[in-house]
């Protein structure tokens, strides 16, 4: 067992024991006698609290033990899907050099896990796991129930403290004072820390944004303030209600009930208003790498349409931003842009054995790499460049096929 494994398991044990200490030391040593002992009044107050504690443990276990979603070793993008993603500079399907494999939309390579994670949000040391497509819902419910329990417990402890101060006939022992102070301190600390984290993830859910994509949005605001980018479009925002349903499920009454994530994690619906727009400036990111802390792209190249022909240089790559325009062809926008960088060739993939039938992902989303030669560089018409950390260009395959047919007729 390595030191890293011991450290990660120690963090999980610390979380479990901290929850247990706050939940049960407060009940047995402080609240039990204060509420009147074994009475109906005590049961009506403490039973709901203990149910919330159980739900904390259930969702924490699910967040720790659920595979966040791993890209299969022989997965390749299906270009007949509507739409699919390609890299901004080469118009080639997104590819992970570390895994030597294609990457689905919104996926990232996690160096801590050593694999590409579907819809990766971040690697969380508190659960010793990546927060990704399959366990993000459990992680969110865990945060919500921690907040509920912290507020619940803080209210009860506040009532006990008020009782001690106002009624000297019911004094607290030295042990109770120590435990009361320690519980209040830890409860406030947990409440503030988790409130900040859960508040941010509520924002992520309502905007259908991952933490990684949120960092890239912050960069876009900087460029917008500099006048380099006039506006930014994010293709996965489906509206607040639909965004929440995409994570917590279609039934609002069951949003807080532990359940598996719906969907495959290989494709995501795109807001049609971003695929049918005219005259809107856009921003794009070319993802060439990801740092060891899983916080940002190392070589992100930003391109944007501006009022003037400008150039952006991130220290690793410079690119002339020429005439980048959007026009309507009746189905999807078209992009026309010029670059001073040569087109990179798509890497050649080694042969990979076929996927076993019992693979956890639906067979409809997978193809064998033997058909790699069917992949081709998508043409510029029928694609739209929008903002997303993992999606530089969304290509409308249906539009491209229709465009090809119309060209052949002419």
Protein backbone atom coordinates (compact mmCIF):
# COMPACT_ATOMS: atom_id res chain seq x y z
CA UNK A 1 0.00 0.00 0.00
CA UNK A 2 1.53 3.30 -1.11
CA UNK A 3 1.69 6.53 0.86
CA UNK A 4 -0.72 8.12 -1.61
CA UNK A 5 -3.27 5.37 -0.99
CA UNK A 6 -2.91 5.70 2.78
CA UNK A 7 -3.40 9.44 2.53
CA UNK A 8 -6.53 9.16 0.40
CA UNK A 9 -8.04 6.49 2.64
CA UNK A 10 -7.16 8.58 5.68
CA UNK A 11 -9.08 11.53 4.25
CA UNK A 12 -12.16 9.37 3.69
CA UNK A 13 -11.90 7.98 7.24
CA UNK A 14 -11.59 11.53 8.58
CA UNK A 15 -14.77 12.59 6.76
CA UNK A 16 -16.70 9.57 8.07
CA UNK A 17 -15.56 10.10 11.67
CA UNK A 18 -16.21 13.85 11.56
CA UNK A 19 -19.79 13.29 10.42
CA UNK A 20 -20.28 10.63 13.10
CA UNK A 21 -18.82 12.85 15.84
CA UNK A 22 -21.02 15.83 14.97
CA UNK A 23 -24.14 13.71 14.58
CA UNK A 24 -23.92 11.49 17.65
CA UNK A 25 -21.87 13.34 20.28
CA UNK A 26 -24.33 16.21 20.01
CA UNK A 27 -27.34 13.92 20.37
CA UNK A 28 -26.13 11.72 23.23
CA UNK A 29 -24.17 14.28 25.27
CA UNK A 30 -26.07 17.53 24.65
CA UNK A 31 -29.50 17.24 23.04
CA UNK A 32 -30.92 14.08 24.59
CA UNK A 33 -31.36 15.45 28.11
CA UNK A 34 -32.16 18.93 26.80
CA UNK A 35 -35.08 17.64 24.71
CA UNK A 36 -36.50 15.58 27.58
CA UNK A 37 -35.11 12.10 27.05
CA UNK A 38 -37.13 9.25 25.56
CA UNK A 39 -40.27 11.17 24.66
CA UNK A 40 -42.36 11.67 21.55
CA UNK A 41 -41.14 15.26 21.40
CA UNK A 42 -37.52 14.08 21.26
CA UNK A 43 -38.33 11.47 18.61
CA UNK A 44 -40.10 13.99 16.36
CA UNK A 45 -37.01 16.21 16.44
CA UNK A 46 -34.18 13.68 16.24
CA UNK A 47 -35.61 11.06 13.84
CA UNK A 48 -35.64 13.42 10.81
CA UNK A 49 -32.12 14.52 11.70
CA UNK A 50 -30.88 10.93 11.76
CA UNK A 51 -32.58 10.21 8.43
CA UNK A 52 -30.62 13.07 6.90
CA UNK A 53 -27.41 11.70 8.44
CA UNK A 54 -28.08 8.29 6.86
CA UNK A 55 -28.66 9.96 3.48
CA UNK A 56 -25.33 11.77 3.89
CA UNK A 57 -23.54 8.45 4.31
CA UNK A 58 -25.41 6.81 1.42
CA UNK A 59 -24.61 9.59 -1.04
CA UNK A 60 -21.03 9.87 0.21
CA UNK A 61 -20.52 6.14 -0.36
CA UNK A 62 -22.04 6.41 -3.84
CA UNK A 63 -19.83 9.39 -4.71
CA UNK A 64 -16.73 7.51 -3.53
CA UNK A 65 -17.47 4.10 -5.04
CA UNK A 66 -19.28 4.96 -8.30
CA UNK A 67 -17.12 5.01 -11.41
CA UNK A 68 -17.42 8.59 -12.70
CA UNK A 69 -17.45 7.29 -16.27
CA UNK A 70 -14.43 6.09 -18.21
CA UNK A 71 -13.87 6.36 -21.94
CA UNK A 72 -13.53 2.82 -23.36
CA UNK A 73 -10.15 1.99 -24.84
CA UNK A 74 -11.53 1.53 -28.36
CA UNK A 75 -14.10 4.29 -28.46
CA UNK A 76 -14.27 6.45 -31.58
CA UNK A 77 -16.71 9.29 -32.33
CA UNK A 78 -19.70 8.52 -34.49
CA UNK A 79 -19.77 11.33 -37.01
CA UNK A 80 -23.34 10.57 -37.97
CA UNK A 81 -24.43 11.84 -34.58
CA UNK A 82 -25.95 15.32 -34.47
CA UNK A 83 -23.75 17.21 -33.70
CA UNK A 84 -20.22 15.97 -32.88
CA UNK A 85 -17.10 17.75 -31.68
CA UNK A 86 -13.77 18.39 -33.33
CA UNK A 87 -10.64 20.35 -32.43
CA UNK A 88 -10.63 23.99 -33.46
CA UNK A 89 -7.23 24.08 -35.20
CA UNK A 90 -7.27 20.81 -37.13
CA UNK A 91 -11.00 20.03 -37.38
CA UNK A 92 -10.03 16.50 -36.31
CA UNK A 93 -11.88 14.56 -33.59
CA UNK A 94 -10.61 15.28 -30.08
CA UNK A 95 -7.81 12.93 -29.10
CA UNK A 96 -6.05 12.13 -25.80
CA UNK A 97 -2.32 11.61 -26.36
CA UNK A 98 -1.88 10.02 -22.92
CA UNK A 99 -4.58 7.38 -23.38
CA UNK A 100 -3.95 7.19 -27.15
CA UNK A 101 -7.68 7.32 -27.64
CA UNK A 102 -10.43 9.63 -28.86
CA UNK A 103 -12.28 11.74 -26.30
CA UNK A 104 -16.06 12.28 -26.21
CA UNK A 105 -17.52 15.76 -25.69
CA UNK A 106 -16.72 17.40 -22.33
CA UNK A 107 -14.35 14.63 -21.27
CA UNK A 108 -10.89 15.30 -19.83
CA UNK A 109 -7.88 13.24 -18.88
CA UNK A 110 -7.35 13.03 -15.11
CA UNK A 111 -3.73 12.46 -14.17
CA UNK A 112 -4.69 11.37 -10.65
CA UNK A 113 -6.93 8.60 -12.01
CA UNK A 114 -4.78 7.98 -15.09
CA UNK A 115 -7.71 7.91 -17.51
CA UNK A 116 -10.16 10.08 -19.41
CA UNK A 117 -13.30 10.90 -17.44
CA UNK A 118 -16.70 11.49 -19.04
CA UNK A 119 -17.96 15.04 -18.38
CA UNK A 120 -15.17 15.54 -15.88
CA UNK A 121 -15.86 18.17 -13.23
CA UNK A 122 -12.82 17.85 -10.95
CA UNK A 123 -10.80 15.31 -9.00
CA UNK A 124 -11.97 15.47 -5.38
CA UNK A 125 -9.59 14.28 -2.62
CA UNK A 126 -12.47 14.18 -0.12
CA UNK A 127 -14.02 11.25 -1.99
CA UNK A 128 -10.74 9.92 -3.47
CA UNK A 129 -12.42 9.87 -6.85
CA UNK A 130 -13.08 12.01 -9.87
CA UNK A 131 -16.37 13.83 -9.95
CA UNK A 132 -17.66 13.04 -13.42
CA UNK A 133 -20.75 12.16 -15.38
CA UNK A 134 -21.88 9.08 -13.43
CA UNK A 135 -21.29 10.24 -9.83
CA UNK A 136 -21.87 13.98 -10.09
CA UNK A 137 -25.49 13.58 -8.96
CA UNK A 138 -24.36 11.66 -5.84
CA UNK A 139 -21.77 14.34 -5.07
CA UNK A 140 -24.40 17.09 -5.33
CA UNK A 141 -26.86 15.25 -3.08
CA UNK A 142 -24.08 14.64 -0.56
CA UNK A 143 -23.36 18.39 -0.39
CA UNK A 144 -27.06 19.24 -0.07
CA UNK A 145 -27.65 16.81 2.80
CA UNK A 146 -24.53 18.02 4.60
CA UNK A 147 -25.91 21.55 4.43
CA UNK A 148 -29.34 20.43 5.68
CA UNK A 149 -27.83 18.55 8.62
CA UNK A 150 -25.45 21.38 9.49
CA UNK A 151 -28.29 23.92 9.61
CA UNK A 152 -30.49 21.48 11.55
CA UNK A 153 -27.79 20.73 14.12
CA UNK A 154 -26.69 24.35 14.46
CA UNK A 155 -30.28 25.34 15.24
CA UNK A 156 -30.60 22.70 17.98
CA UNK A 157 -27.22 23.56 19.49
CA UNK A 158 -28.14 27.25 19.43
CA UNK A 159 -31.33 26.46 21.34
CA UNK A 160 -29.34 24.56 23.96
CA UNK A 161 -26.83 27.40 24.32
CA UNK A 162 -29.67 29.89 24.75
CA UNK A 163 -31.23 27.65 27.38
CA UNK A 164 -27.98 27.49 29.35
CA UNK A 165 -27.51 31.26 29.26
CA UNK A 166 -31.10 32.22 30.10
CA UNK A 167 -31.94 29.48 32.61
CA UNK A 168 -29.30 29.02 35.28
CA UNK A 169 -31.45 26.33 36.89
CA UNK A 170 -30.37 23.94 34.13
CA UNK A 171 -26.59 24.44 34.07
CA UNK A 172 -24.27 22.53 31.77
CA UNK A 173 -21.48 20.32 33.01
CA UNK A 174 -17.87 20.90 32.04
CA UNK A 175 -18.01 18.02 29.58
CA UNK A 176 -21.16 19.40 27.98
CA UNK A 177 -19.60 22.86 27.66
CA UNK A 178 -16.54 21.41 25.92
CA UNK A 179 -18.60 19.29 23.54
CA UNK A 180 -21.03 22.13 22.90
CA UNK A 181 -18.23 24.51 21.98
CA UNK A 182 -16.48 21.93 19.80
CA UNK A 183 -19.71 20.97 18.02
CA UNK A 184 -20.62 24.60 17.40
CA UNK A 185 -17.16 25.36 16.00
CA UNK A 186 -17.09 22.33 13.69
CA UNK A 187 -20.69 22.84 12.61
CA UNK A 188 -20.10 26.47 11.63
CA UNK A 189 -16.86 25.51 9.85
CA UNK A 190 -18.59 22.75 7.86
CA UNK A 191 -21.58 24.97 7.13
CA UNK A 192 -19.48 27.79 5.68
CA UNK A 193 -17.11 25.55 3.72
CA UNK A 194 -19.77 23.33 2.22
CA UNK A 195 -22.08 26.29 1.57
CA UNK A 196 -19.45 27.89 -0.66
CA UNK A 197 -18.83 24.62 -2.50
CA UNK A 198 -22.49 23.65 -2.84
CA UNK A 199 -23.44 27.19 -3.89
CA UNK A 200 -20.94 27.05 -6.73
CA UNK A 201 -22.17 23.65 -7.86
CA UNK A 202 -25.78 24.81 -7.77
CA UNK A 203 -24.65 27.48 -10.23
CA UNK A 204 -22.92 24.79 -12.31
CA UNK A 205 -26.06 22.66 -12.39
CA UNK A 206 -28.37 25.51 -13.35
CA UNK A 207 -26.06 26.57 -16.19
CA UNK A 208 -25.06 23.01 -17.21
CA UNK A 209 -21.40 23.86 -16.69
CA UNK A 210 -18.60 21.77 -15.20
CA UNK A 211 -15.93 23.22 -12.94
CA UNK A 212 -13.36 22.98 -15.74
CA UNK A 213 -15.69 24.76 -18.15
CA UNK A 214 -16.35 27.37 -15.47
CA UNK A 215 -12.63 28.18 -15.29
CA UNK A 216 -12.58 28.61 -19.06
CA UNK A 217 -15.61 30.90 -18.83
CA UNK A 218 -13.63 33.07 -16.45
CA UNK A 219 -10.91 33.38 -19.07
CA UNK A 220 -13.49 34.37 -21.66
CA UNK A 221 -14.71 37.22 -19.45
CA UNK A 222 -11.16 38.54 -19.26
CA UNK A 223 -10.87 38.49 -23.05
CA UNK A 224 -14.27 40.13 -23.35
CA UNK A 225 -13.21 42.96 -21.03
CA UNK A 226 -10.12 43.43 -23.21
CA UNK A 227 -12.33 43.82 -26.27
CA UNK A 228 -10.90 40.72 -27.94
CA UNK A 229 -14.19 38.83 -27.62
CA UNK A 230 -17.52 40.58 -28.12
CA UNK A 231 -19.70 37.75 -26.88
CA UNK A 232 -19.44 34.11 -25.84
CA UNK A 233 -21.88 31.31 -26.55
CA UNK A 234 -22.08 28.16 -24.44
CA UNK A 235 -23.77 25.32 -26.37
CA UNK A 236 -24.92 23.02 -23.54
CA UNK A 237 -27.16 25.43 -21.61
CA UNK A 238 -30.70 24.10 -22.04
CA UNK A 239 -32.42 26.38 -19.53
CA UNK A 240 -32.44 26.12 -15.73
CA UNK A 241 -35.09 23.41 -15.38
CA UNK A 242 -33.71 21.17 -18.12
CA UNK A 243 -30.18 21.67 -16.81
CA UNK A 244 -31.21 20.47 -13.35
CA UNK A 245 -33.10 17.53 -14.82
CA UNK A 246 -29.99 16.52 -16.77
CA UNK A 247 -28.17 15.92 -13.46
CA UNK A 248 -30.79 15.05 -10.84
CA UNK A 249 -33.36 13.30 -13.03
CA UNK A 250 -36.62 14.05 -14.78
CA UNK A 251 -38.84 13.84 -11.67
CA UNK A 252 -38.43 16.88 -9.37
CA UNK A 253 -39.90 14.98 -6.40
CA UNK A 254 -37.04 12.46 -6.65
CA UNK A 255 -34.20 14.92 -7.15
CA UNK A 256 -32.82 14.31 -3.64
CA UNK A 257 -33.37 10.56 -3.66
CA UNK A 258 -30.22 8.46 -4.35
CA UNK A 259 -30.39 7.11 -7.90
CA UNK A 260 -28.17 6.49 -10.89
CA UNK A 261 -27.37 9.07 -13.53
CA UNK A 262 -29.46 8.96 -16.69
CA UNK A 263 -27.77 8.89 -20.10
CA UNK A 264 -24.52 7.52 -21.49
CA UNK A 265 -22.14 10.45 -20.99
CA UNK A 266 -20.87 10.22 -24.58
CA UNK A 267 -23.10 12.91 -26.09
CA UNK A 268 -25.05 15.88 -24.80
CA UNK A 269 -27.89 17.92 -26.28
CA UNK A 270 -26.91 21.26 -27.76
CA UNK A 271 -29.01 24.40 -27.44
CA UNK A 272 -30.45 24.87 -30.92
CA UNK A 273 -30.29 28.67 -30.58
CA UNK A 274 -26.49 28.37 -30.68
CA UNK A 275 -26.64 26.23 -33.81
CA UNK A 276 -28.94 28.70 -35.59
CA UNK A 277 -27.49 32.12 -34.96
CA UNK A 278 -26.39 34.89 -37.25
CA UNK A 279 -23.91 37.66 -36.80
CA UNK A 280 -22.92 36.72 -33.26
CA UNK A 281 -19.24 36.77 -32.37
CA UNK A 282 -17.88 33.55 -30.97
CA UNK A 283 -14.95 32.32 -28.94
CA UNK A 284 -13.20 29.00 -29.18
CA UNK A 285 -10.62 27.06 -27.22
CA UNK A 286 -8.20 24.52 -28.58
CA UNK A 287 -7.39 22.04 -25.86
CA UNK A 288 -3.83 20.74 -26.13
CA UNK A 289 -3.26 19.63 -22.58
CA UNK A 290 -4.34 19.67 -18.97
CA UNK A 291 -2.19 20.49 -15.97
CA UNK A 292 -1.29 18.13 -13.16
CA UNK A 293 -3.70 19.81 -10.77
CA UNK A 294 -6.59 19.40 -13.22
CA UNK A 295 -7.32 23.10 -13.09
CA UNK A 296 -6.85 24.51 -16.55
CA UNK A 297 -5.70 23.82 -20.05
CA UNK A 298 -1.94 24.23 -20.38
CA UNK A 299 -1.93 25.33 -24.01
CA UNK A 300 -5.38 26.75 -24.61
CA UNK A 301 -5.48 28.78 -27.79
CA UNK A 302 -8.29 31.30 -27.91
CA UNK A 303 -9.70 32.54 -31.18
CA UNK A 304 -12.43 35.09 -31.50
CA UNK A 305 -14.07 37.32 -34.03
CA UNK A 306 -13.36 40.94 -33.31
CA UNK A 307 -13.90 44.27 -35.03
CA UNK A 308 -10.32 44.26 -36.25
CA UNK A 309 -7.92 41.55 -37.33
CA UNK A 310 -6.03 40.81 -34.13
CA UNK A 311 -3.60 38.25 -32.81
CA UNK A 312 -3.59 36.32 -29.55
CA UNK A 313 -0.46 34.76 -28.10
CA UNK A 314 -0.60 32.62 -24.95
CA UNK A 315 3.14 32.10 -24.78
CA UNK A 316 2.99 28.69 -26.43
CA UNK A 317 1.16 29.42 -29.63
CA UNK A 318 0.16 32.53 -31.54
CA UNK A 319 -2.64 32.76 -34.05
CA UNK A 320 -3.84 35.44 -36.40
CA UNK A 321 -7.52 36.06 -36.02
CA UNK A 322 -8.64 36.80 -39.52
CA UNK A 323 -12.06 37.14 -41.02
CA UNK A 324 -14.19 34.86 -38.87
CA UNK A 325 -17.85 35.14 -39.81
CA UNK A 326 -21.10 33.31 -39.28
CA UNK A 327 -23.70 32.96 -42.00
CA UNK A 328 -26.90 31.00 -42.38
CA UNK A 329 -27.34 28.24 -44.93
CA UNK A 330 -30.89 27.50 -43.85
CA UNK A 331 -29.86 24.75 -41.48
CA UNK A 332 -26.72 25.61 -39.54
CA UNK A 333 -24.22 28.47 -39.48
CA UNK A 334 -21.03 28.37 -41.45
CA UNK A 335 -17.60 29.48 -40.32
CA UNK A 336 -14.88 30.95 -42.46
CA UNK A 337 -11.53 31.72 -40.83
CA UNK A 338 -7.85 31.92 -41.68
CA UNK A 339 -4.90 30.70 -39.68
CA UNK A 340 -1.14 31.05 -39.95
CA UNK A 341 -0.55 27.61 -38.47
CA UNK A 342 -0.32 24.43 -40.55
CA UNK A 343 -2.97 21.78 -40.16
CA UNK A 344 -1.83 19.02 -37.81
CA UNK A 345 -2.17 15.46 -38.99
CA UNK A 346 -4.42 13.16 -37.02
CA UNK A 347 -2.38 10.56 -35.09
CA UNK A 348 -2.46 6.96 -36.25
CA UNK A 349 -4.07 4.66 -33.73
CA UNK A 350 -2.73 1.20 -32.90
CA UNK A 351 -5.04 -1.80 -33.27
CA UNK A 352 -7.17 -2.41 -30.20
CA UNK A 353 -9.12 -5.59 -29.34
CA UNK A 354 -12.92 -5.35 -29.60
CA UNK A 355 -15.06 -4.42 -26.63
CA UNK A 356 -16.55 -7.32 -24.60
CA UNK A 357 -20.31 -7.63 -24.88
CA UNK A 358 -20.68 -7.18 -21.14
CA UNK A 359 -19.11 -3.71 -21.25
CA UNK A 360 -20.90 -1.28 -18.97
CA UNK A 361 -21.58 1.28 -21.72
CA UNK A 362 -24.34 0.86 -24.32
CA UNK A 363 -23.15 -0.81 -27.48
CA UNK A 364 -24.92 1.83 -29.54
CA UNK A 365 -22.37 4.41 -28.44
CA UNK A 366 -19.29 2.35 -29.30
CA UNK A 367 -17.46 1.41 -32.48
CA UNK A 368 -14.36 -0.63 -33.14
CA UNK A 369 -11.17 1.16 -34.03
CA UNK A 370 -10.91 -1.00 -37.11
CA UNK A 371 -13.19 1.59 -38.71
CA UNK A 372 -10.81 4.44 -37.91
CA UNK A 373 -10.17 4.99 -41.59
CA UNK A 374 -13.78 6.12 -41.97
CA UNK A 375 -13.01 9.23 -39.94
CA UNK A 376 -12.44 12.26 -42.07
CA UNK A 377 -11.66 15.90 -41.52
CA UNK A 378 -14.99 17.76 -41.42
CA UNK A 379 -15.42 20.65 -43.80
CA UNK A 380 -15.97 24.14 -42.52
CA UNK A 381 -19.61 24.52 -43.71
CA UNK A 382 -22.12 23.04 -41.34
CA UNK A 383 -20.08 23.70 -38.21
CA UNK A 384 -20.22 26.35 -35.55
CA UNK A 385 -17.49 27.47 -33.21
CA UNK A 386 -18.82 27.98 -29.71
CA UNK A 387 -17.34 28.30 -26.26
CA UNK A 388 -16.67 25.15 -24.27
CA UNK A 389 -13.46 23.93 -22.75
CA UNK A 390 -13.80 20.59 -24.47
CA UNK A 391 -15.75 21.66 -27.54
CA UNK A 392 -13.96 23.96 -29.90
CA UNK A 393 -16.19 23.17 -32.83
CA UNK A 394 -19.58 21.49 -33.01
CA UNK A 395 -20.11 19.92 -36.41
CA UNK A 396 -23.63 19.33 -37.68
CA UNK A 397 -23.24 16.08 -39.60
CA UNK A 398 -26.76 16.27 -41.02
CA UNK A 399 -26.09 19.68 -42.49
CA UNK A 400 -22.78 18.50 -43.91
CA UNK A 401 -24.42 15.60 -45.69
CA UNK A 402 -27.06 17.89 -47.18
CA UNK A 403 -24.37 20.38 -48.16
CA UNK A 404 -22.45 17.60 -49.90
CA UNK A 405 -25.52 16.50 -51.84
CA UNK A 406 -26.29 20.04 -52.97
CA UNK A 407 -22.69 20.47 -54.11
CA UNK A 408 -22.83 17.27 -56.16
CA UNK A 409 -26.02 18.46 -57.89
CA UNK A 410 -24.39 21.69 -58.91
